[in-house]
C-alpha cells in the first residue's frame, strides 16, 4: 500500500458555529469566510453590534456571503430553544478543558461569545463539562481574536471528525538522527518505535 493516498471519511454530520452577540463586523465577516470555506452553517445571535449590510462585514467576508448558510436568532433564549436537542460546546478563556483534549461529536455547535465580554457566566456554569478553552502562555493577553478562536476550534473539531480510513499510513518518513552524528533512519507513520 506504499504510495497509496489516505482516503478521508466524510463527516456524516458537520459541526456548526454560533456567534452570540458579535460586536465587530470584520470578525464576523472573517468567521463567515471560514464557514463558507468549510461549508459550516453559521448562527448569529442578536443583538449584533452592526447591521448585516455593514460594508466592513461584507468586505471581510468578501464575495463569499452567498455561500454561507446563515441563520439569525433574535436573542440567546430563542437560539437555545431552537437548538435544544443539539450538543453545544462553549468556548471561553474560563474553560478548564483545552480544546485539543475535548472530544467533539458530529452535530456539535461551537458557541462563541461577544468580543468584549465573552459568554454569560450562568450559561457557562450550566455546562462546565462542555466549556473549552484555547490555552494562552502570556498572562498579559486577555483574549484571542474571535475569528482566530473560531478557526482554531472549528478546524480541531473537523480534524477529529475526519479520521483516515486507513488505520496507519504506510509511507516512510525521514526521522532525524537518534543522537548527534547518528545516521538518519526511516519509519512507517504510526510506528511508535524506531528499529
N, C-alpha and C. Protein backbone atom coordinates (compact mmCIF):
# COMPACT_ATOMS: atom_id res chain seq x y z
N UNK A 1 0.81 -1.20 0.00
CA UNK A 1 0.00 0.00 0.00
C UNK A 1 0.85 1.26 0.00
N UNK A 2 2.16 1.13 -0.07
CA UNK A 2 3.01 2.31 -0.08
C UNK A 2 2.65 3.20 -1.25
N UNK A 3 2.58 4.51 -0.97
CA UNK A 3 2.25 5.46 -2.02
C UNK A 3 0.76 5.67 -2.21
N UNK A 4 -0.05 4.82 -1.60
CA UNK A 4 -1.49 4.98 -1.71
C UNK A 4 -1.94 6.19 -0.92
N UNK A 5 -2.85 6.96 -1.47
CA UNK A 5 -3.33 8.11 -0.71
C UNK A 5 -4.33 7.65 0.34
N UNK A 6 -4.33 8.35 1.44
CA UNK A 6 -5.24 8.02 2.52
C UNK A 6 -6.59 8.68 2.22
N UNK A 7 -7.63 7.90 2.23
CA UNK A 7 -8.97 8.42 2.00
C UNK A 7 -9.55 8.91 3.31
N UNK A 8 -10.23 10.02 3.28
CA UNK A 8 -10.84 10.57 4.48
C UNK A 8 -12.31 10.16 4.55
N UNK A 9 -12.76 9.91 5.76
CA UNK A 9 -14.16 9.59 5.98
C UNK A 9 -14.95 10.89 5.89
N UNK A 10 -15.99 10.90 5.09
CA UNK A 10 -16.84 12.09 5.02
C UNK A 10 -17.59 12.22 6.32
N UNK A 11 -17.69 13.44 6.82
CA UNK A 11 -18.42 13.64 8.05
C UNK A 11 -19.89 13.37 7.80
N UNK A 12 -20.48 12.57 8.66
CA UNK A 12 -21.89 12.24 8.50
C UNK A 12 -22.76 13.42 8.90
N UNK A 13 -22.27 14.24 9.80
CA UNK A 13 -22.99 15.42 10.23
C UNK A 13 -21.96 16.46 10.62
N UNK A 14 -21.99 17.59 9.98
CA UNK A 14 -20.97 18.60 10.26
C UNK A 14 -21.25 19.30 11.58
N UNK A 15 -20.22 19.94 12.09
CA UNK A 15 -20.40 20.82 13.23
C UNK A 15 -20.91 22.15 12.70
N UNK A 16 -21.40 22.98 13.60
CA UNK A 16 -21.87 24.31 13.24
C UNK A 16 -21.22 25.32 14.16
N UNK A 17 -21.27 26.59 13.78
CA UNK A 17 -20.69 27.67 14.57
C UNK A 17 -21.80 28.64 14.94
N UNK A 18 -21.76 29.12 16.19
CA UNK A 18 -22.70 30.14 16.64
C UNK A 18 -21.93 31.29 17.27
N UNK A 19 -22.22 32.51 16.83
CA UNK A 19 -21.65 33.71 17.42
C UNK A 19 -22.75 34.40 18.20
N UNK A 20 -22.56 34.54 19.50
CA UNK A 20 -23.54 35.18 20.36
C UNK A 20 -23.19 36.65 20.49
N UNK A 21 -24.08 37.49 20.00
CA UNK A 21 -23.94 38.95 20.09
C UNK A 21 -22.57 39.47 19.64
N UNK A 22 -22.12 39.06 18.44
CA UNK A 22 -20.82 39.57 17.97
C UNK A 22 -20.88 41.09 17.81
N UNK A 23 -19.75 41.75 18.05
CA UNK A 23 -19.72 43.21 18.09
C UNK A 23 -18.93 43.85 16.95
N UNK A 24 -17.96 43.15 16.40
CA UNK A 24 -17.03 43.76 15.45
C UNK A 24 -17.25 43.17 14.06
N UNK A 25 -17.71 43.98 13.10
CA UNK A 25 -18.06 43.46 11.77
C UNK A 25 -16.97 42.65 11.08
N UNK A 26 -15.69 43.11 11.05
CA UNK A 26 -14.68 42.31 10.35
C UNK A 26 -14.48 40.92 10.96
N UNK A 27 -14.64 40.79 12.28
CA UNK A 27 -14.51 39.47 12.90
C UNK A 27 -15.58 38.53 12.36
N UNK A 28 -16.82 39.00 12.35
CA UNK A 28 -17.92 38.18 11.85
C UNK A 28 -17.75 37.89 10.37
N UNK A 29 -17.27 38.85 9.62
CA UNK A 29 -17.02 38.62 8.20
C UNK A 29 -15.97 37.55 7.97
N UNK A 30 -14.90 37.58 8.77
CA UNK A 30 -13.86 36.56 8.64
C UNK A 30 -14.36 35.19 9.07
N UNK A 31 -15.19 35.14 10.10
CA UNK A 31 -15.79 33.87 10.51
C UNK A 31 -16.68 33.33 9.39
N UNK A 32 -17.45 34.22 8.77
CA UNK A 32 -18.32 33.79 7.66
C UNK A 32 -17.49 33.23 6.51
N UNK A 33 -16.35 33.83 6.23
CA UNK A 33 -15.49 33.31 5.16
C UNK A 33 -14.99 31.91 5.51
N UNK A 34 -14.59 31.71 6.76
CA UNK A 34 -14.16 30.37 7.20
C UNK A 34 -15.31 29.37 7.09
N UNK A 35 -16.50 29.80 7.48
CA UNK A 35 -17.68 28.92 7.37
C UNK A 35 -17.97 28.59 5.91
N UNK A 36 -17.81 29.55 5.03
CA UNK A 36 -18.03 29.28 3.60
C UNK A 36 -17.01 28.26 3.10
N UNK A 37 -15.76 28.44 3.49
CA UNK A 37 -14.69 27.55 3.02
C UNK A 37 -14.88 26.12 3.50
N UNK A 38 -15.51 25.95 4.65
CA UNK A 38 -15.68 24.62 5.24
C UNK A 38 -17.12 24.12 5.15
N UNK A 39 -17.97 24.90 4.50
CA UNK A 39 -19.39 24.55 4.39
C UNK A 39 -20.02 24.30 5.77
N UNK A 40 -19.68 25.19 6.68
CA UNK A 40 -20.17 25.10 8.05
C UNK A 40 -21.30 26.09 8.26
N UNK A 41 -22.48 25.64 8.69
CA UNK A 41 -23.57 26.58 8.98
C UNK A 41 -23.17 27.54 10.11
N UNK A 42 -23.65 28.78 10.00
CA UNK A 42 -23.32 29.84 10.95
C UNK A 42 -24.60 30.39 11.57
N UNK A 43 -24.65 30.41 12.89
CA UNK A 43 -25.75 31.02 13.63
C UNK A 43 -25.27 32.37 14.16
N UNK A 44 -26.05 33.41 13.94
CA UNK A 44 -25.77 34.72 14.53
C UNK A 44 -26.89 35.03 15.51
N UNK A 45 -26.50 35.30 16.77
CA UNK A 45 -27.48 35.56 17.81
C UNK A 45 -27.48 37.06 18.11
N UNK A 46 -28.64 37.68 17.90
CA UNK A 46 -28.79 39.12 18.14
C UNK A 46 -28.90 39.41 19.64
N UNK A 47 -28.63 40.67 20.03
CA UNK A 47 -28.33 41.80 19.18
C UNK A 47 -26.90 41.76 18.63
N UNK A 48 -26.77 42.17 17.38
CA UNK A 48 -25.47 42.27 16.74
C UNK A 48 -24.95 43.69 16.94
N UNK A 49 -23.66 43.85 16.98
CA UNK A 49 -23.06 45.18 17.15
C UNK A 49 -22.93 45.92 15.84
N UNK A 50 -23.67 45.50 14.82
CA UNK A 50 -23.58 46.06 13.48
C UNK A 50 -24.81 45.62 12.70
N UNK A 51 -24.98 46.18 11.53
CA UNK A 51 -26.04 45.73 10.62
C UNK A 51 -25.44 44.68 9.67
N UNK A 52 -26.26 43.76 9.25
CA UNK A 52 -25.78 42.75 8.31
C UNK A 52 -25.42 43.35 6.96
N UNK A 53 -25.79 44.58 6.73
CA UNK A 53 -25.44 45.27 5.49
C UNK A 53 -24.16 46.09 5.64
N UNK A 54 -23.53 46.06 6.81
CA UNK A 54 -22.32 46.84 7.10
C UNK A 54 -21.24 46.54 6.06
N UNK A 55 -20.62 47.59 5.54
CA UNK A 55 -19.61 47.41 4.49
C UNK A 55 -18.38 46.69 5.00
N UNK A 56 -18.01 46.90 6.27
CA UNK A 56 -16.84 46.21 6.82
C UNK A 56 -17.11 44.71 6.98
N UNK A 57 -18.35 44.38 7.33
CA UNK A 57 -18.75 42.97 7.43
C UNK A 57 -18.67 42.33 6.06
N UNK A 58 -19.24 42.99 5.06
CA UNK A 58 -19.23 42.43 3.70
C UNK A 58 -17.81 42.35 3.16
N UNK A 59 -17.00 43.36 3.44
CA UNK A 59 -15.62 43.36 2.94
C UNK A 59 -14.82 42.20 3.53
N UNK A 60 -14.95 41.95 4.84
CA UNK A 60 -14.22 40.86 5.47
C UNK A 60 -14.67 39.50 4.94
N UNK A 61 -15.96 39.38 4.61
CA UNK A 61 -16.49 38.12 4.07
C UNK A 61 -16.32 38.02 2.58
N UNK A 62 -15.77 39.09 1.98
CA UNK A 62 -15.58 39.18 0.54
C UNK A 62 -16.87 38.80 -0.19
N UNK A 63 -16.75 38.07 -1.26
CA UNK A 63 -17.95 37.70 -2.02
C UNK A 63 -18.43 36.30 -1.66
N UNK A 64 -18.11 35.86 -0.44
CA UNK A 64 -18.46 34.51 -0.01
C UNK A 64 -19.80 34.43 0.71
N UNK A 65 -20.41 35.57 1.05
CA UNK A 65 -21.65 35.55 1.81
C UNK A 65 -22.74 34.68 1.17
N UNK A 66 -22.88 34.67 -0.16
CA UNK A 66 -23.91 33.81 -0.74
C UNK A 66 -23.65 32.31 -0.51
N UNK A 67 -22.43 31.96 -0.11
CA UNK A 67 -22.07 30.55 0.09
C UNK A 67 -22.10 30.14 1.57
N UNK A 68 -22.58 31.04 2.41
CA UNK A 68 -22.67 30.75 3.85
C UNK A 68 -24.13 30.51 4.21
N UNK A 69 -24.38 29.41 4.90
CA UNK A 69 -25.72 29.13 5.41
C UNK A 69 -25.83 29.84 6.76
N UNK A 70 -26.48 31.01 6.75
CA UNK A 70 -26.59 31.83 7.96
C UNK A 70 -28.01 31.77 8.50
N UNK A 71 -28.10 31.60 9.81
CA UNK A 71 -29.40 31.67 10.48
C UNK A 71 -29.28 32.70 11.59
N UNK A 72 -30.15 33.69 11.58
CA UNK A 72 -30.12 34.75 12.57
C UNK A 72 -31.21 34.48 13.61
N UNK A 73 -30.83 34.55 14.88
CA UNK A 73 -31.74 34.34 16.00
C UNK A 73 -31.91 35.66 16.73
N UNK A 74 -33.14 36.03 17.12
CA UNK A 74 -33.37 37.35 17.72
C UNK A 74 -32.76 37.54 19.11
N UNK A 75 -32.47 36.45 19.83
CA UNK A 75 -31.85 36.56 21.15
C UNK A 75 -31.32 35.20 21.58
N UNK A 76 -30.59 35.17 22.68
CA UNK A 76 -29.95 33.95 23.15
C UNK A 76 -30.97 32.87 23.52
N UNK A 77 -32.06 33.26 24.20
CA UNK A 77 -33.08 32.28 24.60
C UNK A 77 -33.70 31.60 23.38
N UNK A 78 -33.99 32.38 22.35
CA UNK A 78 -34.57 31.81 21.13
C UNK A 78 -33.59 30.84 20.47
N UNK A 79 -32.32 31.21 20.43
CA UNK A 79 -31.30 30.32 19.88
C UNK A 79 -31.24 29.02 20.67
N UNK A 80 -31.19 29.11 22.00
CA UNK A 80 -31.09 27.92 22.83
C UNK A 80 -32.30 27.00 22.66
N UNK A 81 -33.49 27.57 22.49
CA UNK A 81 -34.67 26.75 22.24
C UNK A 81 -34.60 26.09 20.86
N UNK A 82 -34.09 26.82 19.88
CA UNK A 82 -34.02 26.29 18.50
C UNK A 82 -33.06 25.12 18.38
N UNK A 83 -32.07 25.07 19.26
CA UNK A 83 -31.05 24.02 19.17
C UNK A 83 -31.03 23.14 20.42
N UNK A 84 -32.14 23.06 21.12
CA UNK A 84 -32.17 22.37 22.42
C UNK A 84 -31.83 20.89 22.34
N UNK A 85 -31.97 20.28 21.18
CA UNK A 85 -31.65 18.85 21.05
C UNK A 85 -30.24 18.62 20.51
N UNK A 86 -29.47 19.68 20.41
CA UNK A 86 -28.09 19.58 19.92
C UNK A 86 -27.13 19.77 21.09
N UNK A 87 -25.92 19.26 20.94
CA UNK A 87 -24.90 19.47 21.97
C UNK A 87 -24.16 20.76 21.67
N UNK A 88 -24.12 21.66 22.63
CA UNK A 88 -23.42 22.93 22.48
C UNK A 88 -22.08 22.83 23.19
N UNK A 89 -21.04 23.30 22.51
CA UNK A 89 -19.69 23.35 23.07
C UNK A 89 -19.33 24.82 23.17
N UNK A 90 -19.10 25.29 24.38
CA UNK A 90 -18.86 26.71 24.63
C UNK A 90 -17.37 26.99 24.72
N UNK A 91 -16.91 28.00 23.99
CA UNK A 91 -15.51 28.41 24.03
C UNK A 91 -15.39 29.62 24.94
N UNK A 92 -14.49 29.50 25.93
CA UNK A 92 -14.29 30.59 26.88
C UNK A 92 -12.90 30.47 27.48
N UNK A 93 -12.29 31.61 27.78
CA UNK A 93 -10.99 31.56 28.44
C UNK A 93 -11.12 31.00 29.85
N UNK A 94 -12.34 30.89 30.35
CA UNK A 94 -12.58 30.35 31.69
C UNK A 94 -12.69 28.83 31.68
N UNK A 95 -12.72 28.22 30.51
CA UNK A 95 -12.85 26.77 30.42
C UNK A 95 -11.64 26.05 30.98
N UNK A 96 -11.88 24.94 31.67
CA UNK A 96 -10.79 24.16 32.26
C UNK A 96 -10.22 23.13 31.28
N UNK A 97 -10.98 22.77 30.26
CA UNK A 97 -10.56 21.74 29.30
C UNK A 97 -9.98 22.39 28.05
N UNK A 98 -8.72 22.14 27.73
CA UNK A 98 -8.17 22.66 26.47
C UNK A 98 -8.92 22.03 25.28
N UNK A 99 -9.12 22.80 24.24
CA UNK A 99 -9.88 22.35 23.07
C UNK A 99 -9.34 21.05 22.48
N UNK A 100 -8.04 20.84 22.54
CA UNK A 100 -7.45 19.64 21.94
C UNK A 100 -7.65 18.39 22.79
N UNK A 101 -8.11 18.55 24.03
CA UNK A 101 -8.42 17.40 24.88
C UNK A 101 -9.92 17.08 24.89
N UNK A 102 -10.71 17.90 24.24
CA UNK A 102 -12.16 17.71 24.22
C UNK A 102 -12.54 16.81 23.05
N UNK A 103 -13.47 15.90 23.26
CA UNK A 103 -13.92 15.00 22.19
C UNK A 103 -15.14 15.59 21.50
N UNK A 104 -14.93 16.15 20.31
CA UNK A 104 -16.03 16.71 19.53
C UNK A 104 -16.83 15.58 18.89
N UNK A 105 -18.12 15.84 18.71
CA UNK A 105 -19.02 14.86 18.11
C UNK A 105 -19.70 15.46 16.88
N UNK A 106 -20.07 14.62 15.92
CA UNK A 106 -20.84 15.13 14.78
C UNK A 106 -22.11 15.82 15.28
N UNK A 107 -22.41 16.96 14.71
CA UNK A 107 -23.61 17.69 15.10
C UNK A 107 -23.39 18.74 16.17
N UNK A 108 -22.19 18.78 16.76
CA UNK A 108 -21.91 19.79 17.78
C UNK A 108 -22.07 21.19 17.21
N UNK A 109 -22.49 22.12 18.06
CA UNK A 109 -22.49 23.53 17.70
C UNK A 109 -21.46 24.21 18.58
N UNK A 110 -20.47 24.83 17.96
CA UNK A 110 -19.40 25.52 18.67
C UNK A 110 -19.87 26.95 18.91
N UNK A 111 -19.96 27.34 20.18
CA UNK A 111 -20.57 28.62 20.56
C UNK A 111 -19.50 29.57 21.10
N UNK A 112 -19.50 30.79 20.56
CA UNK A 112 -18.52 31.81 20.91
C UNK A 112 -19.26 33.08 21.33
N UNK A 113 -18.74 33.76 22.35
CA UNK A 113 -19.39 34.95 22.88
C UNK A 113 -18.89 36.23 22.26
N UNK A 114 -19.46 37.36 22.73
CA UNK A 114 -19.05 38.67 22.23
C UNK A 114 -17.58 38.96 22.54
N UNK A 115 -16.98 39.73 21.68
CA UNK A 115 -15.55 40.01 21.77
C UNK A 115 -15.14 40.64 23.10
N UNK A 116 -15.94 41.55 23.63
CA UNK A 116 -15.51 42.32 24.80
C UNK A 116 -15.87 41.70 26.14
N UNK A 117 -16.80 40.72 26.15
CA UNK A 117 -17.22 40.19 27.45
C UNK A 117 -17.38 38.67 27.50
N UNK A 118 -17.34 38.00 26.39
CA UNK A 118 -17.48 36.55 26.39
C UNK A 118 -18.91 36.10 26.67
N UNK A 119 -19.07 34.81 26.85
CA UNK A 119 -20.40 34.23 27.08
C UNK A 119 -20.85 34.50 28.51
N UNK A 120 -22.18 34.57 28.73
CA UNK A 120 -22.70 34.82 30.08
C UNK A 120 -22.26 33.72 31.06
N UNK A 121 -21.89 34.15 32.25
CA UNK A 121 -21.41 33.24 33.30
C UNK A 121 -22.43 32.14 33.61
N UNK A 122 -23.71 32.49 33.69
CA UNK A 122 -24.74 31.49 34.02
C UNK A 122 -24.85 30.42 32.93
N UNK A 123 -24.60 30.79 31.70
CA UNK A 123 -24.62 29.81 30.61
C UNK A 123 -23.45 28.84 30.75
N UNK A 124 -22.28 29.36 31.07
CA UNK A 124 -21.10 28.52 31.26
C UNK A 124 -21.27 27.60 32.46
N UNK A 125 -21.80 28.13 33.54
CA UNK A 125 -21.98 27.33 34.76
C UNK A 125 -22.94 26.17 34.54
N UNK A 126 -23.87 26.33 33.61
CA UNK A 126 -24.85 25.26 33.36
C UNK A 126 -24.27 24.11 32.52
N UNK A 127 -23.05 24.30 32.03
CA UNK A 127 -22.49 23.29 31.12
C UNK A 127 -20.97 23.19 31.24
N UNK A 128 -20.43 23.18 32.46
CA UNK A 128 -18.98 23.19 32.64
C UNK A 128 -18.29 22.04 31.93
N UNK A 129 -18.97 20.92 31.75
CA UNK A 129 -18.34 19.78 31.08
C UNK A 129 -18.18 20.01 29.58
N UNK A 130 -18.78 21.09 29.07
CA UNK A 130 -18.68 21.40 27.64
C UNK A 130 -18.13 22.81 27.42
N UNK A 131 -17.36 23.32 28.37
CA UNK A 131 -16.71 24.62 28.22
C UNK A 131 -15.23 24.36 27.97
N UNK A 132 -14.77 24.76 26.81
CA UNK A 132 -13.38 24.53 26.44
C UNK A 132 -12.64 25.85 26.26
N UNK A 133 -11.34 25.77 26.36
CA UNK A 133 -10.53 26.97 26.21
C UNK A 133 -9.40 26.72 25.22
N UNK A 134 -8.83 27.81 24.77
CA UNK A 134 -7.62 27.76 23.96
C UNK A 134 -6.52 28.33 24.86
N UNK A 135 -5.64 27.48 25.35
CA UNK A 135 -4.62 27.96 26.30
C UNK A 135 -3.74 29.05 25.70
N UNK A 136 -3.42 30.03 26.54
CA UNK A 136 -2.51 31.11 26.15
C UNK A 136 -1.36 31.13 27.15
N UNK A 137 -0.17 31.34 26.66
CA UNK A 137 1.02 31.32 27.51
C UNK A 137 1.31 32.66 28.19
N UNK A 138 0.87 33.75 27.60
CA UNK A 138 1.19 35.08 28.13
C UNK A 138 0.03 35.63 28.95
N UNK A 139 0.24 35.84 30.22
CA UNK A 139 -0.82 36.34 31.10
C UNK A 139 -1.21 37.78 30.81
N UNK A 140 -0.44 38.47 29.98
CA UNK A 140 -0.76 39.85 29.64
C UNK A 140 -1.76 39.97 28.50
N UNK A 141 -2.07 38.85 27.85
CA UNK A 141 -3.04 38.85 26.75
C UNK A 141 -4.39 38.40 27.32
N UNK A 142 -5.39 39.28 27.22
CA UNK A 142 -6.71 38.98 27.78
C UNK A 142 -7.45 37.90 27.01
N UNK A 143 -7.35 37.97 25.68
CA UNK A 143 -8.10 37.01 24.87
C UNK A 143 -7.52 36.99 23.46
N UNK A 144 -7.94 35.98 22.71
CA UNK A 144 -7.57 35.88 21.30
C UNK A 144 -8.67 36.52 20.46
N UNK A 145 -8.33 36.87 19.24
CA UNK A 145 -9.32 37.42 18.31
C UNK A 145 -10.41 36.39 18.05
N UNK A 146 -11.65 36.85 17.95
CA UNK A 146 -12.79 35.96 17.75
C UNK A 146 -12.63 35.09 16.51
N UNK A 147 -12.25 35.68 15.39
CA UNK A 147 -12.12 34.91 14.15
C UNK A 147 -11.02 33.85 14.28
N UNK A 148 -9.94 34.18 14.97
CA UNK A 148 -8.87 33.21 15.20
C UNK A 148 -9.38 32.06 16.07
N UNK A 149 -10.09 32.39 17.12
CA UNK A 149 -10.62 31.38 18.04
C UNK A 149 -11.58 30.44 17.33
N UNK A 150 -12.47 31.00 16.50
CA UNK A 150 -13.40 30.15 15.75
C UNK A 150 -12.61 29.22 14.83
N UNK A 151 -11.62 29.75 14.13
CA UNK A 151 -10.83 28.92 13.23
C UNK A 151 -10.13 27.78 13.95
N UNK A 152 -9.53 28.06 15.09
CA UNK A 152 -8.84 27.03 15.86
C UNK A 152 -9.83 25.95 16.28
N UNK A 153 -10.95 26.36 16.87
CA UNK A 153 -11.95 25.39 17.35
C UNK A 153 -12.58 24.59 16.22
N UNK A 154 -12.96 25.27 15.16
CA UNK A 154 -13.62 24.60 14.04
C UNK A 154 -12.69 23.58 13.38
N UNK A 155 -11.46 23.95 13.13
CA UNK A 155 -10.56 23.02 12.46
C UNK A 155 -10.15 21.86 13.35
N UNK A 156 -10.10 22.06 14.67
CA UNK A 156 -9.84 20.93 15.56
C UNK A 156 -11.02 19.96 15.54
N UNK A 157 -12.24 20.48 15.58
CA UNK A 157 -13.42 19.61 15.50
C UNK A 157 -13.42 18.84 14.19
N UNK A 158 -13.15 19.52 13.09
CA UNK A 158 -13.11 18.86 11.78
C UNK A 158 -12.00 17.80 11.71
N UNK A 159 -10.85 18.12 12.31
CA UNK A 159 -9.75 17.15 12.33
C UNK A 159 -10.18 15.88 13.05
N UNK A 160 -10.78 16.06 14.21
CA UNK A 160 -11.20 14.89 14.98
C UNK A 160 -12.27 14.08 14.26
N UNK A 161 -13.14 14.76 13.52
CA UNK A 161 -14.28 14.09 12.90
C UNK A 161 -14.00 13.56 11.50
N UNK A 162 -12.79 13.76 11.00
CA UNK A 162 -12.46 13.25 9.67
C UNK A 162 -11.21 12.38 9.75
N UNK A 163 -11.33 11.30 10.46
CA UNK A 163 -10.23 10.35 10.65
C UNK A 163 -9.94 9.62 9.35
N UNK A 164 -8.69 9.21 9.14
CA UNK A 164 -8.35 8.44 7.94
C UNK A 164 -9.04 7.06 7.97
N UNK A 165 -9.38 6.57 6.79
CA UNK A 165 -9.98 5.24 6.72
C UNK A 165 -8.91 4.16 6.83
N UNK A 166 -7.67 4.49 6.52
CA UNK A 166 -6.58 3.54 6.65
C UNK A 166 -6.05 3.68 8.08
N UNK A 167 -5.90 2.55 8.77
CA UNK A 167 -5.51 2.58 10.18
C UNK A 167 -4.20 3.33 10.39
N UNK A 168 -3.24 3.11 9.54
CA UNK A 168 -1.98 3.84 9.65
C UNK A 168 -1.44 4.07 8.25
N UNK A 169 -0.83 5.21 8.06
CA UNK A 169 -0.21 5.47 6.75
C UNK A 169 0.98 4.56 6.59
N UNK A 170 1.25 4.25 5.34
CA UNK A 170 2.36 3.32 5.10
C UNK A 170 3.52 4.00 4.39
N UNK A 171 3.50 5.28 4.31
CA UNK A 171 4.59 6.00 3.67
C UNK A 171 5.74 6.15 4.65
N UNK A 172 6.94 5.86 4.21
CA UNK A 172 8.10 6.04 5.07
C UNK A 172 8.41 7.52 5.17
N UNK A 173 8.66 7.96 6.38
CA UNK A 173 9.02 9.35 6.62
C UNK A 173 10.41 9.40 7.21
N UNK A 174 11.21 10.40 6.83
CA UNK A 174 12.52 10.50 7.46
C UNK A 174 12.37 10.91 8.92
N UNK A 175 13.18 10.34 9.75
CA UNK A 175 13.21 10.68 11.16
C UNK A 175 14.62 11.17 11.44
N UNK A 176 14.74 12.21 12.22
CA UNK A 176 16.05 12.80 12.48
C UNK A 176 17.01 11.85 13.16
N UNK A 177 18.26 12.29 13.31
CA UNK A 177 19.26 11.43 13.94
C UNK A 177 18.84 11.07 15.36
N UNK A 178 19.15 9.84 15.76
CA UNK A 178 18.84 9.42 17.11
C UNK A 178 19.71 10.16 18.12
N UNK A 179 20.90 10.51 17.70
CA UNK A 179 21.81 11.31 18.52
C UNK A 179 22.76 12.02 17.56
N UNK A 180 23.52 12.96 18.05
CA UNK A 180 24.46 13.68 17.18
C UNK A 180 25.35 12.72 16.43
N UNK A 181 25.42 12.88 15.13
CA UNK A 181 26.29 12.07 14.30
C UNK A 181 25.71 10.73 13.88
N UNK A 182 24.52 10.37 14.42
CA UNK A 182 23.91 9.09 14.06
C UNK A 182 23.29 9.22 12.67
N UNK A 183 23.23 8.13 11.94
CA UNK A 183 22.64 8.18 10.61
C UNK A 183 21.12 8.42 10.69
N UNK A 184 20.58 9.00 9.62
CA UNK A 184 19.13 9.19 9.55
C UNK A 184 18.47 7.83 9.38
N UNK A 185 17.30 7.70 9.96
CA UNK A 185 16.55 6.46 9.83
C UNK A 185 15.18 6.78 9.25
N UNK A 186 14.49 5.76 8.82
CA UNK A 186 13.13 5.95 8.37
C UNK A 186 12.22 5.03 9.16
N UNK A 187 10.97 5.39 9.22
CA UNK A 187 9.99 4.55 9.90
C UNK A 187 8.65 4.74 9.20
N UNK A 188 7.73 3.89 9.52
CA UNK A 188 6.39 4.00 8.98
C UNK A 188 5.57 4.88 9.91
N UNK A 189 4.69 5.72 9.35
CA UNK A 189 3.79 6.51 10.19
C UNK A 189 2.98 5.56 11.05
N UNK A 190 2.79 5.93 12.28
CA UNK A 190 2.02 5.09 13.19
C UNK A 190 2.89 4.16 13.99
N UNK A 191 4.15 3.94 13.58
CA UNK A 191 5.04 3.10 14.37
C UNK A 191 5.55 3.92 15.55
N UNK A 192 5.49 3.34 16.72
CA UNK A 192 5.88 4.09 17.90
C UNK A 192 7.37 3.97 18.21
N UNK A 193 8.04 3.00 17.60
CA UNK A 193 9.47 2.81 17.89
C UNK A 193 10.27 2.81 16.60
N UNK A 194 11.48 3.27 16.72
CA UNK A 194 12.40 3.24 15.59
C UNK A 194 13.27 2.01 15.74
N UNK A 195 13.36 1.16 14.71
CA UNK A 195 14.16 -0.08 14.82
C UNK A 195 15.63 0.23 15.02
